[in-house]
């Protein structure tokens, strides 16, 4: 049914509505000032309902000698469906679409196509009016602007992740190229030229055993310090430096013998040619 309301501000507006138990199914507002017109609409609905209830129902009585009147059959389902469809309000912007909601500002019926464009309002004007008056309008999840904002947010997130991965991979490549792929010197010792009377062996990680000049030493490479040192008597005198300028030739017998080292929990066994210590 059509309801016509005149707002105290002077604005007149009308809309079609199907009452629910004689009351407005949704709230309506004045398109001019935004005042709530639901109570005025309910008063008009009650007046129309009371007027319809007071209309006398005329009952035809059969004339004398005529056949009694037969009761009229109930409306067919198709006719009832047509009446129900006629009572459904349609969107004024899209007349072919039935209204599924009403504008939260002006109360006009709106369809799903309108909601995809504007949300819970019928136009940009009502959207600005709601922003100016501070009206809380809920967000419609299927609105095109909301979907576009989600797509932009997802694209920005993917871009940030891609930039982060590129920076991490570039940093890893730079570290590996200039630092990680190059060996690092842990321990070094400068040997005198022509001196072959020295022996080194790595016993455990970061510990090296050295024998030079009848002295055996265990050094820690990680802390760069000497753990212990002991004099070693291998039975062969230490080599004497030779002077090639005078024609002295280095003899193999005068080289410091290279031992075979066996390390146990508490001992070190050194196997020299013909001798064990």
C-alpha atoms as a PDB file:
ATOM      1  CA  UNK A   1       0.000   0.000   0.000  1.00  0.00           C
ATOM      2  CA  UNK A   2       1.110   3.587  -0.543  1.00  0.00           C
ATOM      3  CA  UNK A   3       1.994   5.732   2.462  1.00  0.00           C
ATOM      4  CA  UNK A   4       2.254   9.512   2.168  1.00  0.00           C
ATOM      5  CA  UNK A   5       3.987  11.519   4.894  1.00  0.00           C
ATOM      6  CA  UNK A   6       4.555  15.229   5.375  1.00  0.00           C
ATOM      7  CA  UNK A   7       7.609  15.958   7.515  1.00  0.00           C
ATOM      8  CA  UNK A   8       7.557  18.902   9.988  1.00  0.00           C
ATOM      9  CA  UNK A   9      10.287  20.457   7.817  1.00  0.00           C
ATOM     10  CA  UNK A  10       7.752  20.711   4.968  1.00  0.00           C
ATOM     11  CA  UNK A  11       9.078  17.846   2.832  1.00  0.00           C
ATOM     12  CA  UNK A  12       6.478  15.485   1.437  1.00  0.00           C
ATOM     13  CA  UNK A  13       7.440  11.972   0.431  1.00  0.00           C
ATOM     14  CA  UNK A  14       5.606   8.749  -0.340  1.00  0.00           C
ATOM     15  CA  UNK A  15       6.563   5.095  -0.672  1.00  0.00           C
ATOM     16  CA  UNK A  16       4.955   1.699  -1.128  1.00  0.00           C
ATOM     17  CA  UNK A  17       5.163  -0.728   1.770  1.00  0.00           C
ATOM     18  CA  UNK A  18       3.710  -4.075   2.779  1.00  0.00           C
ATOM     19  CA  UNK A  19       2.851  -3.840   6.519  1.00  0.00           C
ATOM     20  CA  UNK A  20       3.872  -6.665   8.823  1.00  0.00           C
ATOM     21  CA  UNK A  21       1.146  -7.212  11.438  1.00  0.00           C
ATOM     22  CA  UNK A  22      -0.042  -3.656  10.763  1.00  0.00           C
ATOM     23  CA  UNK A  23       3.411  -2.084  11.362  1.00  0.00           C
ATOM     24  CA  UNK A  24       6.236  -0.788   9.219  1.00  0.00           C
ATOM     25  CA  UNK A  25       8.756  -3.557   8.432  1.00  0.00           C
ATOM     26  CA  UNK A  26      11.670  -1.078   8.296  1.00  0.00           C
ATOM     27  CA  UNK A  27      12.432   2.428   9.522  1.00  0.00           C
ATOM     28  CA  UNK A  28      12.069   5.381   7.166  1.00  0.00           C
ATOM     29  CA  UNK A  29      13.612   8.854   7.234  1.00  0.00           C
ATOM     30  CA  UNK A  30      12.786  12.175   5.647  1.00  0.00           C
ATOM     31  CA  UNK A  31      14.888  12.733   2.493  1.00  0.00           C
ATOM     32  CA  UNK A  32      15.044  16.429   3.258  1.00  0.00           C
ATOM     33  CA  UNK A  33      16.158  16.660   6.879  1.00  0.00           C
ATOM     34  CA  UNK A  34      16.785  13.031   7.777  1.00  0.00           C
ATOM     35  CA  UNK A  35      14.171  12.993  10.563  1.00  0.00           C
ATOM     36  CA  UNK A  36      12.695   9.623  11.496  1.00  0.00           C
ATOM     37  CA  UNK A  37       9.239   9.182   9.930  1.00  0.00           C
ATOM     38  CA  UNK A  38       8.563   5.623  11.097  1.00  0.00           C
ATOM     39  CA  UNK A  39       6.074   6.660  13.820  1.00  0.00           C
ATOM     40  CA  UNK A  40       4.067   8.812  11.373  1.00  0.00           C
ATOM     41  CA  UNK A  41       3.984   5.912   8.910  1.00  0.00           C
ATOM     42  CA  UNK A  42       2.779   3.544  11.646  1.00  0.00           C
ATOM     43  CA  UNK A  43      -0.032   6.011  12.534  1.00  0.00           C
ATOM     44  CA  UNK A  44      -1.151   6.077   8.888  1.00  0.00           C
ATOM     45  CA  UNK A  45      -1.097   2.273   8.754  1.00  0.00           C
ATOM     46  CA  UNK A  46      -3.223   2.036  11.918  1.00  0.00           C
ATOM     47  CA  UNK A  47      -5.739   4.526  10.538  1.00  0.00           C
ATOM     48  CA  UNK A  48      -6.050   2.599   7.273  1.00  0.00           C
ATOM     49  CA  UNK A  49      -6.426  -0.654   9.182  1.00  0.00           C
ATOM     50  CA  UNK A  50      -9.161   0.803  11.418  1.00  0.00           C
ATOM     51  CA  UNK A  51     -11.003   2.230   8.400  1.00  0.00           C
ATOM     52  CA  UNK A  52     -10.877  -1.132   6.658  1.00  0.00           C
ATOM     53  CA  UNK A  53     -12.221  -2.861   9.779  1.00  0.00           C
ATOM     54  CA  UNK A  54     -15.277  -0.527  10.014  1.00  0.00           C
ATOM     55  CA  UNK A  55     -16.442  -1.040   6.414  1.00  0.00           C
ATOM     56  CA  UNK A  56     -19.686  -3.123   6.608  1.00  0.00           C
ATOM     57  CA  UNK A  57     -19.677  -6.373   4.792  1.00  0.00           C
ATOM     58  CA  UNK A  58     -22.833  -6.662   2.662  1.00  0.00           C
ATOM     59  CA  UNK A  59     -24.274 -10.133   2.473  1.00  0.00           C
ATOM     60  CA  UNK A  60     -26.677 -10.924  -0.283  1.00  0.00           C
ATOM     61  CA  UNK A  61     -29.866 -12.758   0.740  1.00  0.00           C
ATOM     62  CA  UNK A  62     -31.609 -14.950  -1.748  1.00  0.00           C
ATOM     63  CA  UNK A  63     -35.000 -13.809  -3.053  1.00  0.00           C
ATOM     64  CA  UNK A  64     -38.032 -15.885  -2.144  1.00  0.00           C
ATOM     65  CA  UNK A  65     -38.239 -18.945  -4.322  1.00  0.00           C
ATOM     66  CA  UNK A  66     -34.734 -18.507  -5.768  1.00  0.00           C
ATOM     67  CA  UNK A  67     -31.838 -20.846  -5.342  1.00  0.00           C
ATOM     68  CA  UNK A  68     -29.619 -20.286  -2.293  1.00  0.00           C
ATOM     69  CA  UNK A  69     -26.323 -18.543  -2.922  1.00  0.00           C
ATOM     70  CA  UNK A  70     -23.300 -20.777  -3.114  1.00  0.00           C
ATOM     71  CA  UNK A  71     -20.135 -19.935  -1.292  1.00  0.00           C
ATOM     72  CA  UNK A  72     -17.471 -18.478  -3.513  1.00  0.00           C
ATOM     73  CA  UNK A  73     -14.390 -20.558  -3.916  1.00  0.00           C
ATOM     74  CA  UNK A  74     -11.138 -19.373  -2.428  1.00  0.00           C
ATOM     75  CA  UNK A  75      -8.692 -17.596  -4.720  1.00  0.00           C
ATOM     76  CA  UNK A  76      -6.496 -19.889  -6.744  1.00  0.00           C
ATOM     77  CA  UNK A  77      -2.798 -20.184  -5.776  1.00  0.00           C
ATOM     78  CA  UNK A  78      -1.741 -18.458  -8.992  1.00  0.00           C
ATOM     79  CA  UNK A  79      -3.946 -15.474  -8.220  1.00  0.00           C
ATOM     80  CA  UNK A  80      -2.616 -15.312  -4.655  1.00  0.00           C
ATOM     81  CA  UNK A  81       0.967 -15.358  -5.946  1.00  0.00           C
ATOM     82  CA  UNK A  82       0.152 -12.563  -8.386  1.00  0.00           C
ATOM     83  CA  UNK A  83      -1.292 -10.471  -5.570  1.00  0.00           C
ATOM     84  CA  UNK A  84       1.773 -11.113  -3.400  1.00  0.00           C
ATOM     85  CA  UNK A  85       4.081 -10.185  -6.268  1.00  0.00           C
ATOM     86  CA  UNK A  86       2.169  -6.981  -6.864  1.00  0.00           C
ATOM     87  CA  UNK A  87       2.647  -5.996  -3.212  1.00  0.00           C
ATOM     88  CA  UNK A  88       6.466  -6.362  -3.403  1.00  0.00           C
ATOM     89  CA  UNK A  89       8.099  -2.907  -3.780  1.00  0.00           C
ATOM     90  CA  UNK A  90      10.436  -2.369  -6.706  1.00  0.00           C
ATOM     91  CA  UNK A  91      13.582  -0.270  -6.893  1.00  0.00           C
ATOM     92  CA  UNK A  92      12.836   3.222  -8.283  1.00  0.00           C
ATOM     93  CA  UNK A  93      16.309   3.361  -9.906  1.00  0.00           C
ATOM     94  CA  UNK A  94      15.985  -0.122 -11.459  1.00  0.00           C
ATOM     95  CA  UNK A  95      12.247  -0.719 -11.928  1.00  0.00           C
ATOM     96  CA  UNK A  96      12.748  -4.333 -13.034  1.00  0.00           C
ATOM     97  CA  UNK A  97      14.514  -5.312  -9.788  1.00  0.00           C
ATOM     98  CA  UNK A  98      12.544  -5.985  -6.586  1.00  0.00           C
ATOM     99  CA  UNK A  99      13.745  -4.042  -3.563  1.00  0.00           C
ATOM    100  CA  UNK A 100      15.712  -6.018  -1.004  1.00  0.00           C
ATOM    101  CA  UNK A 101      16.613  -3.185   1.392  1.00  0.00           C
ATOM    102  CA  UNK A 102      15.808   0.430   2.161  1.00  0.00           C
ATOM    103  CA  UNK A 103      18.153   3.379   2.170  1.00  0.00           C
ATOM    104  CA  UNK A 104      19.428   4.011   5.689  1.00  0.00           C
ATOM    105  CA  UNK A 105      19.208   7.784   5.090  1.00  0.00           C
ATOM    106  CA  UNK A 106      16.057   8.525   3.093  1.00  0.00           C
ATOM    107  CA  UNK A 107      14.190   5.225   3.385  1.00  0.00           C
ATOM    108  CA  UNK A 108      13.808   4.628  -0.362  1.00  0.00           C
ATOM    109  CA  UNK A 109      13.686   0.978  -1.454  1.00  0.00           C
ATOM    110  CA  UNK A 110      16.908  -0.254  -3.052  1.00  0.00           C
ATOM    111  CA  UNK A 111      17.797  -3.444  -4.917  1.00  0.00           C
ATOM    112  CA  UNK A 112      20.909  -5.597  -5.006  1.00  0.00           C
ATOM    113  CA  UNK A 113      22.339  -3.692  -7.971  1.00  0.00           C
ATOM    114  CA  UNK A 114      22.065  -0.414  -6.079  1.00  0.00           C
ATOM    115  CA  UNK A 115      23.734  -1.979  -3.038  1.00  0.00           C
ATOM    116  CA  UNK A 116      26.643  -3.192  -5.173  1.00  0.00           C
ATOM    117  CA  UNK A 117      27.214   0.419  -6.226  1.00  0.00           C
ATOM    118  CA  UNK A 118      26.320   2.458  -3.109  1.00  0.00           C
ATOM    119  CA  UNK A 119      25.951  -0.035  -0.249  1.00  0.00           C
ATOM    120  CA  UNK A 120      23.151   0.586   2.236  1.00  0.00           C
ATOM    121  CA  UNK A 121      22.333   4.001   0.743  1.00  0.00           C
ATOM    122  CA  UNK A 122      20.559   4.824  -2.517  1.00  0.00           C
ATOM    123  CA  UNK A 123      22.924   7.466  -3.922  1.00  0.00           C
ATOM    124  CA  UNK A 124      26.101   9.460  -3.430  1.00  0.00           C
ATOM    125  CA  UNK A 125      24.004  12.305  -2.026  1.00  0.00           C
ATOM    126  CA  UNK A 126      22.705  10.095   0.776  1.00  0.00           C
ATOM    127  CA  UNK A 127      26.237   8.823   1.394  1.00  0.00           C
ATOM    128  CA  UNK A 128      27.520  12.382   1.872  1.00  0.00           C
ATOM    129  CA  UNK A 129      24.464  13.227   3.974  1.00  0.00           C
ATOM    130  CA  UNK A 130      25.243  10.304   6.287  1.00  0.00           C
ATOM    131  CA  UNK A 131      28.882  11.435   6.583  1.00  0.00           C
ATOM    132  CA  UNK A 132      27.846  15.020   7.373  1.00  0.00           C
ATOM    133  CA  UNK A 133      25.304  14.013  10.019  1.00  0.00           C
ATOM    134  CA  UNK A 134      27.559  11.355  11.550  1.00  0.00           C
ATOM    135  CA  UNK A 135      25.106   8.567  10.764  1.00  0.00           C
ATOM    136  CA  UNK A 136      26.543   5.076  11.181  1.00  0.00           C
ATOM    137  CA  UNK A 137      25.955   3.202   7.912  1.00  0.00           C
ATOM    138  CA  UNK A 138      27.167  -0.418   7.900  1.00  0.00           C
ATOM    139  CA  UNK A 139      29.555  -1.668   5.238  1.00  0.00           C
ATOM    140  CA  UNK A 140      28.085  -3.897   2.533  1.00  0.00           C
ATOM    141  CA  UNK A 141      30.528  -6.733   1.874  1.00  0.00           C
ATOM    142  CA  UNK A 142      29.574  -7.129  -1.815  1.00  0.00           C
ATOM    143  CA  UNK A 143      29.897  -3.430  -2.667  1.00  0.00           C
ATOM    144  CA  UNK A 144      32.242  -2.902  -5.606  1.00  0.00           C
ATOM    145  CA  UNK A 145      34.267  -0.224  -3.799  1.00  0.00           C
ATOM    146  CA  UNK A 146      34.809  -2.574  -0.835  1.00  0.00           C
ATOM    147  CA  UNK A 147      35.906  -5.411  -3.132  1.00  0.00           C
ATOM    148  CA  UNK A 148      38.267  -3.078  -5.022  1.00  0.00           C
ATOM    149  CA  UNK A 149      39.793  -1.880  -1.735  1.00  0.00           C
ATOM    150  CA  UNK A 150      40.433  -5.488  -0.723  1.00  0.00           C
ATOM    151  CA  UNK A 151      42.104  -6.200  -4.058  1.00  0.00           C
ATOM    152  CA  UNK A 152      44.348  -3.130  -3.675  1.00  0.00           C
ATOM    153  CA  UNK A 153      45.268  -4.153  -0.108  1.00  0.00           C
ATOM    154  CA  UNK A 154      46.104  -7.697  -1.208  1.00  0.00           C
ATOM    155  CA  UNK A 155      48.205  -6.375  -4.108  1.00  0.00           C
ATOM    156  CA  UNK A 156      50.126  -4.034  -1.801  1.00  0.00           C
ATOM    157  CA  UNK A 157      50.774  -6.899   0.637  1.00  0.00           C
ATOM    158  CA  UNK A 158      52.064  -9.152  -2.148  1.00  0.00           C
ATOM    159  CA  UNK A 159      54.321  -6.336  -3.404  1.00  0.00           C
ATOM    160  CA  UNK A 160      55.786  -5.806   0.083  1.00  0.00           C
ATOM    161  CA  UNK A 161      56.463  -9.533   0.461  1.00  0.00           C
ATOM    162  CA  UNK A 162      58.101  -9.668  -2.977  1.00  0.00           C
ATOM    163  CA  UNK A 163      60.349  -6.677  -2.190  1.00  0.00           C
ATOM    164  CA  UNK A 164      61.302  -8.229   1.160  1.00  0.00           C
ATOM    165  CA  UNK A 165      62.219 -11.541  -0.495  1.00  0.00           C
ATOM    166  CA  UNK A 166      64.277  -9.754  -3.159  1.00  0.00           C
ATOM    167  CA  UNK A 167      66.188  -7.809  -0.504  1.00  0.00           C
ATOM    168  CA  UNK A 168      66.823 -10.971   1.547  1.00  0.00           C
ATOM    169  CA  UNK A 169      68.016 -12.943  -1.493  1.00  0.00           C
ATOM    170  CA  UNK A 170      70.232 -10.069  -2.653  1.00  0.00           C
ATOM    171  CA  UNK A 171      71.748  -9.766   0.809  1.00  0.00           C
ATOM    172  CA  UNK A 172      72.361 -13.530   0.984  1.00  0.00           C
ATOM    173  CA  UNK A 173      74.014 -13.469  -2.444  1.00  0.00           C
ATOM    174  CA  UNK A 174      76.282 -10.551  -1.489  1.00  0.00           C
ATOM    175  CA  UNK A 175      77.270 -12.242   1.781  1.00  0.00           C
ATOM    176  CA  UNK A 176      78.022 -15.556   0.095  1.00  0.00           C
ATOM    177  CA  UNK A 177      79.916 -13.968  -2.833  1.00  0.00           C
ATOM    178  CA  UNK A 178      82.170 -11.685  -0.780  1.00  0.00           C
ATOM    179  CA  UNK A 179      82.319 -13.434   2.601  1.00  0.00           C
ATOM    180  CA  UNK A 180      80.697 -16.875   2.864  1.00  0.00           C
ATOM    181  CA  UNK A 181      82.518 -18.496  -0.081  1.00  0.00           C
ATOM    182  CA  UNK A 182      85.976 -17.324   1.053  1.00  0.00           C
ATOM    183  CA  UNK A 183      87.938 -19.423   3.564  1.00  0.00           C
ATOM    184  CA  UNK A 184      88.851 -17.782   6.845  1.00  0.00           C
ATOM    185  CA  UNK A 185      92.294 -18.066   8.348  1.00  0.00           C
ATOM    186  CA  UNK A 186      92.113 -19.641  11.810  1.00  0.00           C
ATOM    187  CA  UNK A 187      95.798 -20.319  12.463  1.00  0.00           C
ATOM    188  CA  UNK A 188      98.974 -19.418  10.595  1.00  0.00           C
ATOM    189  CA  UNK A 189     102.679 -19.579  11.356  1.00  0.00           C
ATOM    190  CA  UNK A 190     105.527 -18.283   9.272  1.00  0.00           C
ATOM    191  CA  UNK A 191     108.184 -20.922   8.624  1.00  0.00           C
ATOM    192  CA  UNK A 192     111.837 -20.016   8.197  1.00  0.00           C
ATOM    193  CA  UNK A 193     113.131 -20.560   4.682  1.00  0.00           C
ATOM    194  CA  UNK A 194     114.542 -24.018   4.226  1.00  0.00           C
ATOM    195  CA  UNK A 195     113.317 -25.239   7.621  1.00  0.00           C
ATOM    196  CA  UNK A 196     111.644 -28.624   7.176  1.00  0.00           C
ATOM    197  CA  UNK A 197     112.176 -29.878  10.700  1.00  0.00           C
ATOM    198  CA  UNK A 198     108.632 -29.157  11.835  1.00  0.00           C
ATOM    199  CA  UNK A 199     105.525 -31.302  12.261  1.00  0.00           C
ATOM    200  CA  UNK A 200     101.848 -30.290  12.657  1.00  0.00           C
ATOM    201  CA  UNK A 201      98.738 -32.390  13.113  1.00  0.00           C
ATOM    202  CA  UNK A 202      95.129 -31.454  13.923  1.00  0.00           C
ATOM    203  CA  UNK A 203      94.041 -33.712  16.778  1.00  0.00           C
ATOM    204  CA  UNK A 204      90.512 -32.480  17.520  1.00  0.00           C
ATOM    205  CA  UNK A 205      88.599 -29.486  16.151  1.00  0.00           C
ATOM    206  CA  UNK A 206      90.441 -26.273  17.012  1.00  0.00           C
ATOM    207  CA  UNK A 207      93.444 -28.056  18.598  1.00  0.00           C
ATOM    208  CA  UNK A 208      96.723 -28.558  16.712  1.00  0.00           C
ATOM    209  CA  UNK A 209      99.801 -30.503  17.848  1.00  0.00           C
ATOM    210  CA  UNK A 210     103.179 -29.142  16.725  1.00  0.00           C
ATOM    211  CA  UNK A 211     106.703 -30.536  17.097  1.00  0.00           C
ATOM    212  CA  UNK A 212     109.682 -28.315  16.393  1.00  0.00           C
ATOM    213  CA  UNK A 213     113.177 -28.132  17.801  1.00  0.00           C
ATOM    214  CA  UNK A 214     112.547 -31.129  20.145  1.00  0.00           C
ATOM    215  CA  UNK A 215     109.565 -29.281  21.695  1.00  0.00           C
ATOM    216  CA  UNK A 216     105.962 -30.621  21.493  1.00  0.00           C
ATOM    217  CA  UNK A 217     103.182 -28.056  21.902  1.00  0.00           C
ATOM    218  CA  UNK A 218      99.357 -28.243  21.886  1.00  0.00           C
ATOM    219  CA  UNK A 219      97.630 -25.002  20.866  1.00  0.00           C
ATOM    220  CA  UNK A 220      93.965 -23.969  20.870  1.00  0.00           C
ATOM    221  CA  UNK A 221      93.086 -22.337  17.550  1.00  0.00           C
ATOM    222  CA  UNK A 222      89.759 -20.864  18.645  1.00  0.00           C
ATOM    223  CA  UNK A 223      91.205 -19.001  21.637  1.00  0.00           C
ATOM    224  CA  UNK A 224      94.633 -18.456  19.989  1.00  0.00           C
ATOM    225  CA  UNK A 225      96.600 -19.670  22.989  1.00  0.00           C
ATOM    226  CA  UNK A 226      99.001 -22.425  23.952  1.00  0.00           C
ATOM    227  CA  UNK A 227      97.518 -25.163  26.155  1.00  0.00           C
ATOM    228  CA  UNK A 228     100.747 -26.929  27.121  1.00  0.00           C
ATOM    229  CA  UNK A 229     104.300 -27.528  25.915  1.00  0.00           C
ATOM    230  CA  UNK A 230     106.801 -30.283  26.790  1.00  0.00           C
ATOM    231  CA  UNK A 231     110.385 -31.085  25.817  1.00  0.00           C
ATOM    232  CA  UNK A 232     110.656 -34.086  23.519  1.00  0.00           C
ATOM    233  CA  UNK A 233     113.717 -36.337  23.194  1.00  0.00           C
ATOM    234  CA  UNK A 234     113.350 -38.235  19.959  1.00  0.00           C
ATOM    235  CA  UNK A 235     116.903 -39.604  19.979  1.00  0.00           C
ATOM    236  CA  UNK A 236     117.898 -37.578  16.931  1.00  0.00           C
ATOM    237  CA  UNK A 237     119.673 -34.246  17.298  1.00  0.00           C
ATOM    238  CA  UNK A 238     117.918 -31.154  16.094  1.00  0.00           C
ATOM    239  CA  UNK A 239     118.794 -30.141  12.521  1.00  0.00           C
ATOM    240  CA  UNK A 240     121.525 -27.602  11.986  1.00  0.00           C
ATOM    241  CA  UNK A 241     120.855 -24.863   9.446  1.00  0.00           C
ATOM    242  CA  UNK A 242     122.997 -25.339   6.351  1.00  0.00           C
ATOM    243  CA  UNK A 243     124.711 -22.708   4.271  1.00  0.00           C
ATOM    244  CA  UNK A 244     124.147 -23.398   0.580  1.00  0.00           C
ATOM    245  CA  UNK A 245     126.668 -20.709  -0.273  1.00  0.00           C
ATOM    246  CA  UNK A 246     129.424 -22.886   1.133  1.00  0.00           C
ATOM    247  CA  UNK A 247     128.247 -25.915  -0.787  1.00  0.00           C
ATOM    248  CA  UNK A 248     126.572 -27.635   2.187  1.00  0.00           C
ATOM    249  CA  UNK A 249     123.875 -30.070   1.042  1.00  0.00           C
ATOM    250  CA  UNK A 250     120.890 -31.027   3.229  1.00  0.00           C
ATOM    251  CA  UNK A 251     120.986 -34.698   4.115  1.00  0.00           C
ATOM    252  CA  UNK A 252     117.756 -36.683   4.673  1.00  0.00           C
ATOM    253  CA  UNK A 253     119.193 -38.196   7.869  1.00  0.00           C
ATOM    254  CA  UNK A 254     119.486 -34.760   9.426  1.00  0.00           C
ATOM    255  CA  UNK A 255     115.795 -33.904   8.874  1.00  0.00           C
ATOM    256  CA  UNK A 256     113.518 -34.049  11.871  1.00  0.00           C
ATOM    257  CA  UNK A 257     111.714 -37.416  11.616  1.00  0.00           C
ATOM    258  CA  UNK A 258     107.988 -37.237  10.987  1.00  0.00           C
ATOM    259  CA  UNK A 259     106.228 -39.219  13.751  1.00  0.00           C
ATOM    260  CA  UNK A 260     102.933 -41.087  13.689  1.00  0.00           C
ATOM    261  CA  UNK A 261     100.669 -39.658  16.396  1.00  0.00           C
ATOM    262  CA  UNK A 262      98.140 -41.797  18.330  1.00  0.00           C
ATOM    263  CA  UNK A 263      95.929 -39.798  20.732  1.00  0.00           C
ATOM    264  CA  UNK A 264      94.079 -41.502  23.606  1.00  0.00           C
ATOM    265  CA  UNK A 265      92.009 -40.014  26.418  1.00  0.00           C
ATOM    266  CA  UNK A 266      95.003 -39.024  28.568  1.00  0.00           C
ATOM    267  CA  UNK A 267      98.115 -39.816  26.490  1.00  0.00           C
ATOM    268  CA  UNK A 268      99.807 -39.028  23.205  1.00  0.00           C
ATOM    269  CA  UNK A 269     101.866 -41.827  21.601  1.00  0.00           C
ATOM    270  CA  UNK A 270     104.507 -40.723  19.090  1.00  0.00           C
ATOM    271  CA  UNK A 271     105.936 -43.388  16.781  1.00  0.00           C
ATOM    272  CA  UNK A 272     109.370 -42.424  15.343  1.00  0.00           C
ATOM    273  CA  UNK A 273     111.458 -44.617  13.074  1.00  0.00           C
ATOM    274  CA  UNK A 274     112.732 -47.288  15.454  1.00  0.00           C
ATOM    275  CA  UNK A 275     111.346 -45.560  18.578  1.00  0.00           C
ATOM    276  CA  UNK A 276     108.037 -45.005  20.414  1.00  0.00           C
ATOM    277  CA  UNK A 277     107.498 -42.259  22.992  1.00  0.00           C
END
